[in-house]
Amino acid sequence: KITLLGHLVNNSSYLDNNTAGGGIVLAGTSLQQISGLGGFGRLELNNSAGATTLNDISLQNDLVLTSGVLNINSNQLTLSPSSSIGGAPFGLTKMIKTDGASSSLGLSKFFSIGTANFTFPVGVAGKYTPGNFNITANSSLGYYITVSPVNQSAPSVLDPSNVLQYYWQIESSGLSGLSGNAQFYYLAPTDVFGGPENVYVSAWLENPGTIWIKSPVGPATDNVNETSHFVHFDFSSTNNISG
């Protein structure tokens, strides 16, 4: 393992055995910067002051959030099929933070064929709003899902004063017969606008497309958990969950 107290500039690539004894750990006492167009192996953040990326980066091995926030700003962080994110439980002081803009590229994860259960531990300044995917079937040999939180109401809603003041941009590619579900966690009452939270329903605007897919009103069908504050979506044999 290499323990680094300063900034990390990687314009080549490095390999490791993807265990706690390998890779690079950022362990400074002030904000550390990550940059370079090289390939990253195992990367650990153990700095309460956090780290920030200056460009898109890709990891072939695990990302471990031991301490601190990894701020990717508007850049993209890409994880390979073999990559996991360690360091749970995550929260405001230990997460992957974006700038919360609709132009942000977010966290992207490649998956292999079959089942998967993966948490995107993402958020914006002052808000931890993860997305959990439980994939029960997929026949594609390789595909990716990208999650990018946006710190405002969705731009195409008819009445912004009566919707959650937050949404998630999802991008997918390479899916084949994907089934499963996803949960996206929001802040209440901070981002709950309009009527009380118990009248909210889940809504998904598939891309490409112009029609919102909304759940029926009612506690048994609205797909909103007002106790744990998350929105639930089900997928059945689909080739696209972008939206």
Protein backbone atom coordinates (compact mmCIF):
# COMPACT_ATOMS: atom_id res chain seq x y z
CA LYS A 1 0.00 0.00 0.00
CA ILE A 2 1.15 3.52 -0.80
CA THR A 3 0.09 6.16 1.73
CA LEU A 4 -0.10 9.58 0.11
CA LEU A 5 -0.32 12.83 2.08
CA GLY A 6 -0.41 15.22 -0.88
CA HIS A 7 -2.09 15.36 -4.27
CA LEU A 8 -2.35 12.37 -6.60
CA VAL A 9 -1.51 12.83 -10.29
CA ASN A 10 -1.81 9.60 -12.28
CA ASN A 11 -1.06 9.70 -16.00
CA SER A 12 -0.10 6.03 -16.26
CA SER A 13 -1.78 3.11 -14.51
CA TYR A 14 -1.16 0.99 -11.48
CA LEU A 15 -2.12 -2.55 -10.49
CA ASP A 16 -2.54 -4.13 -7.07
CA ASN A 17 -4.03 -7.22 -5.47
CA ASN A 18 -7.21 -5.33 -4.45
CA THR A 19 -6.86 -6.09 -0.74
CA ALA A 20 -6.54 -3.83 2.29
CA GLY A 21 -2.78 -4.18 1.99
CA GLY A 22 -2.58 -2.76 -1.53
CA GLY A 23 -3.43 0.22 -3.68
CA ILE A 24 -3.14 3.89 -2.80
CA VAL A 25 -4.61 5.50 0.32
CA LEU A 26 -5.15 9.26 0.52
CA ALA A 27 -4.40 10.04 4.15
CA GLY A 28 -3.58 13.75 4.29
CA THR A 29 -4.95 16.30 6.72
CA SER A 30 -6.12 18.87 4.15
CA LEU A 31 -8.17 18.52 0.95
CA GLN A 32 -6.36 16.29 -1.55
CA GLN A 33 -6.69 16.47 -5.33
CA ILE A 34 -6.94 13.53 -7.74
CA SER A 35 -6.10 14.08 -11.39
CA GLY A 36 -4.61 12.47 -14.47
CA LEU A 37 -5.88 10.35 -17.32
CA GLY A 38 -4.36 7.08 -16.16
CA GLY A 39 -6.02 3.92 -14.85
CA PHE A 40 -6.55 3.55 -11.12
CA GLY A 41 -6.42 0.28 -9.20
CA ARG A 42 -7.58 0.22 -5.58
CA LEU A 43 -8.12 3.70 -4.13
CA GLU A 44 -8.90 4.47 -0.49
CA LEU A 45 -9.89 7.79 1.04
CA ASN A 46 -8.92 8.12 4.71
CA ASN A 47 -8.89 11.87 5.14
CA SER A 48 -11.63 13.69 7.06
CA ALA A 49 -10.87 16.79 4.97
CA GLY A 50 -11.82 14.82 1.85
CA ALA A 51 -10.55 14.68 -1.71
CA THR A 52 -11.68 16.15 -5.02
CA THR A 53 -11.28 15.00 -8.62
CA LEU A 54 -10.10 17.44 -11.28
CA ASN A 55 -11.16 15.27 -14.23
CA ASP A 56 -12.97 12.00 -15.03
CA ILE A 57 -11.31 8.96 -13.48
CA SER A 58 -11.82 5.18 -13.82
CA LEU A 59 -11.09 2.49 -11.24
CA GLN A 60 -10.34 -1.13 -12.08
CA ASN A 61 -10.42 -2.23 -8.44
CA ASP A 62 -12.26 -1.15 -5.29
CA LEU A 63 -12.99 2.30 -3.95
CA VAL A 64 -12.89 2.45 -0.15
CA LEU A 65 -14.37 5.40 1.75
CA THR A 66 -12.82 5.00 5.18
CA SER A 67 -13.12 8.67 6.09
CA GLY A 68 -14.06 11.83 4.25
CA VAL A 69 -16.11 12.91 1.23
CA LEU A 70 -14.94 12.25 -2.33
CA ASN A 71 -16.09 15.28 -4.33
CA ILE A 72 -16.24 14.48 -8.05
CA ASN A 73 -17.83 17.86 -8.88
CA SER A 74 -19.24 17.63 -12.44
CA ASN A 75 -16.80 14.87 -13.41
CA GLN A 76 -17.55 11.19 -13.87
CA LEU A 77 -16.25 8.42 -11.64
CA THR A 78 -16.39 5.03 -13.38
CA LEU A 79 -16.11 1.66 -11.64
CA SER A 80 -15.37 -1.62 -13.40
CA PRO A 81 -17.49 -4.81 -13.06
CA SER A 82 -15.11 -6.05 -10.36
CA SER A 83 -15.11 -2.81 -8.37
CA SER A 84 -17.02 -2.38 -5.13
CA ILE A 85 -17.34 0.55 -2.74
CA GLY A 86 -16.23 -0.18 0.81
CA GLY A 87 -16.55 1.79 4.00
CA ALA A 88 -20.29 1.54 4.75
CA PRO A 89 -22.29 2.92 6.45
CA PHE A 90 -22.17 6.04 4.31
CA GLY A 91 -23.58 9.45 5.07
CA LEU A 92 -22.97 13.19 4.92
CA THR A 93 -19.36 12.86 6.06
CA LYS A 94 -18.58 9.79 3.95
CA MET A 95 -20.01 9.73 0.44
CA ILE A 96 -19.41 10.62 -3.22
CA LYS A 97 -20.49 14.22 -3.74
CA THR A 98 -21.37 15.90 -7.03
CA ASP A 99 -22.09 19.57 -7.72
CA GLY A 100 -25.80 18.71 -8.05
CA ALA A 101 -26.20 20.20 -11.53
CA SER A 102 -28.09 18.57 -14.39
CA SER A 103 -24.86 18.63 -16.42
CA SER A 104 -22.96 16.54 -13.85
CA LEU A 105 -21.74 13.17 -15.11
CA GLY A 106 -22.11 11.29 -11.81
CA LEU A 107 -21.09 7.83 -10.64
CA SER A 108 -21.04 5.06 -13.26
CA LYS A 109 -20.80 1.34 -12.50
CA PHE A 110 -20.24 -1.51 -14.99
CA PHE A 111 -21.87 -4.85 -14.17
CA SER A 112 -21.44 -8.43 -15.33
CA ILE A 113 -24.16 -10.87 -16.35
CA GLY A 114 -26.58 -12.07 -13.69
CA THR A 115 -27.71 -10.61 -10.38
CA ALA A 116 -26.25 -7.67 -8.49
CA ASN A 117 -26.93 -5.52 -5.46
CA PHE A 118 -25.20 -2.17 -5.47
CA THR A 119 -25.51 1.12 -3.62
CA PHE A 120 -24.56 4.37 -5.31
CA PRO A 121 -23.53 6.39 -2.19
CA VAL A 122 -24.04 9.78 -3.82
CA GLY A 123 -25.21 13.18 -2.67
CA VAL A 124 -24.71 16.92 -2.97
CA ALA A 125 -23.62 19.59 -0.50
CA GLY A 126 -25.51 19.00 2.75
CA LYS A 127 -27.54 16.08 1.36
CA TYR A 128 -26.82 12.35 1.26
CA THR A 129 -29.24 10.84 -1.27
CA PRO A 130 -28.11 7.35 -2.31
CA GLY A 131 -29.57 5.04 -4.93
CA ASN A 132 -29.82 1.30 -4.26
CA PHE A 133 -30.17 -1.17 -7.15
CA ASN A 134 -31.22 -4.77 -6.62
CA ILE A 135 -30.86 -6.52 -9.98
CA THR A 136 -32.48 -9.95 -10.02
CA ALA A 137 -31.94 -10.81 -13.69
CA ASN A 138 -29.96 -9.57 -16.67
CA SER A 139 -28.71 -11.48 -19.69
CA SER A 140 -26.17 -8.92 -20.91
CA LEU A 141 -22.48 -9.79 -20.64
CA GLY A 142 -21.63 -6.19 -19.78
CA TYR A 143 -23.64 -3.06 -19.09
CA TYR A 144 -23.45 0.10 -17.03
CA ILE A 145 -25.72 2.26 -14.89
CA THR A 146 -24.91 5.88 -14.07
CA VAL A 147 -26.52 7.84 -11.24
CA SER A 148 -26.26 11.62 -10.94
CA PRO A 149 -28.29 13.49 -8.28
CA VAL A 150 -29.70 16.87 -9.26
CA ASN A 151 -30.42 19.43 -6.56
CA GLN A 152 -33.62 20.92 -8.00
CA SER A 153 -37.04 19.86 -9.22
CA ALA A 154 -37.25 18.02 -12.54
CA PRO A 155 -37.38 20.63 -15.33
CA SER A 156 -40.33 19.15 -17.26
CA VAL A 157 -42.88 18.96 -14.44
CA LEU A 158 -46.03 21.06 -14.82
CA ASP A 159 -46.01 22.52 -11.31
CA PRO A 160 -42.57 22.77 -9.65
CA SER A 161 -44.16 23.91 -6.39
CA ASN A 162 -45.85 20.51 -5.94
CA VAL A 163 -42.99 18.09 -6.50
CA LEU A 164 -39.83 16.96 -4.77
CA GLN A 165 -37.16 19.63 -5.14
CA TYR A 166 -34.66 16.97 -6.16
CA TYR A 167 -34.29 14.23 -8.76
CA TRP A 168 -31.87 11.62 -10.07
CA GLN A 169 -30.59 11.35 -13.63
CA ILE A 170 -30.11 7.72 -14.62
CA GLU A 171 -28.23 6.56 -17.70
CA SER A 172 -27.97 2.95 -18.80
CA SER A 173 -26.47 1.11 -21.73
CA GLY A 174 -26.08 -2.52 -22.74
CA LEU A 175 -29.03 -3.83 -20.73
CA SER A 176 -30.78 -6.99 -21.85
CA GLY A 177 -33.84 -8.29 -20.02
CA LEU A 178 -33.05 -6.49 -16.78
CA SER A 179 -35.38 -7.12 -13.85
CA GLY A 180 -35.17 -5.80 -10.33
CA ASN A 181 -35.85 -2.66 -8.35
CA ALA A 182 -34.29 0.57 -7.19
CA GLN A 183 -34.74 2.93 -4.26
CA PHE A 184 -33.70 6.58 -4.21
CA TYR A 185 -33.49 8.36 -0.86
CA TYR A 186 -34.47 12.02 -0.45
CA LEU A 187 -34.45 14.57 2.37
CA ALA A 188 -37.69 15.26 4.19
CA PRO A 189 -39.09 17.74 4.94
CA THR A 190 -36.32 19.78 3.27
CA ASP A 191 -37.16 18.86 -0.32
CA VAL A 192 -40.84 17.96 0.06
CA PHE A 193 -42.85 20.80 -1.53
CA GLY A 194 -46.59 21.07 -2.06
CA GLY A 195 -48.98 18.73 -0.31
CA PRO A 196 -47.99 16.46 2.58
CA GLU A 197 -45.47 13.73 1.90
CA ASN A 198 -48.12 11.00 2.06
CA VAL A 199 -49.73 12.23 -1.18
CA TYR A 200 -46.50 11.91 -3.16
CA VAL A 201 -46.24 9.27 -5.91
CA SER A 202 -43.19 7.96 -7.72
CA ALA A 203 -42.61 9.23 -11.27
CA TRP A 204 -40.15 8.24 -13.97
CA LEU A 205 -39.51 10.06 -17.26
CA GLU A 206 -37.93 7.46 -19.52
CA ASN A 207 -35.28 8.71 -21.91
CA PRO A 208 -35.85 8.87 -24.83
CA GLY A 209 -39.46 9.81 -24.23
CA THR A 210 -41.75 12.62 -23.16
CA ILE A 211 -44.30 10.86 -20.93
CA TRP A 212 -44.06 10.61 -17.16
CA ILE A 213 -44.79 7.13 -15.78
CA LYS A 214 -46.49 7.72 -12.43
CA SER A 215 -47.61 5.32 -9.73
CA PRO A 216 -51.28 5.29 -8.68
CA VAL A 217 -52.25 7.41 -5.69
CA GLY A 218 -52.58 5.54 -2.40
CA PRO A 219 -50.30 4.17 0.36
CA ALA A 220 -50.26 0.68 -1.16
CA THR A 221 -49.49 1.80 -4.71
CA ASP A 222 -47.69 5.16 -4.66
CA ASN A 223 -44.21 3.54 -4.30
CA VAL A 224 -43.09 6.21 -1.83
CA ASN A 225 -41.89 5.23 1.64
CA GLU A 226 -42.69 8.21 3.86
CA THR A 227 -41.06 6.60 6.91
CA SER A 228 -37.61 5.99 5.44
CA HIS A 229 -38.04 8.70 2.76
CA PHE A 230 -37.31 6.87 -0.45
CA VAL A 231 -38.94 6.43 -3.85
CA HIS A 232 -39.24 2.87 -5.19
CA PHE A 233 -39.18 1.67 -8.81
CA ASP A 234 -39.62 -1.82 -10.28
CA PHE A 235 -38.11 -3.04 -13.55
CA SER A 236 -39.24 -6.09 -15.51
CA SER A 237 -37.34 -7.51 -18.50
CA THR A 238 -36.34 -4.08 -19.74
CA ASN A 239 -33.45 -2.99 -21.97
CA ASN A 240 -33.47 0.63 -20.82
CA ILE A 241 -33.74 2.41 -17.49
CA SER A 242 -32.38 5.77 -18.62
CA GLY A 243 -34.45 8.68 -17.43
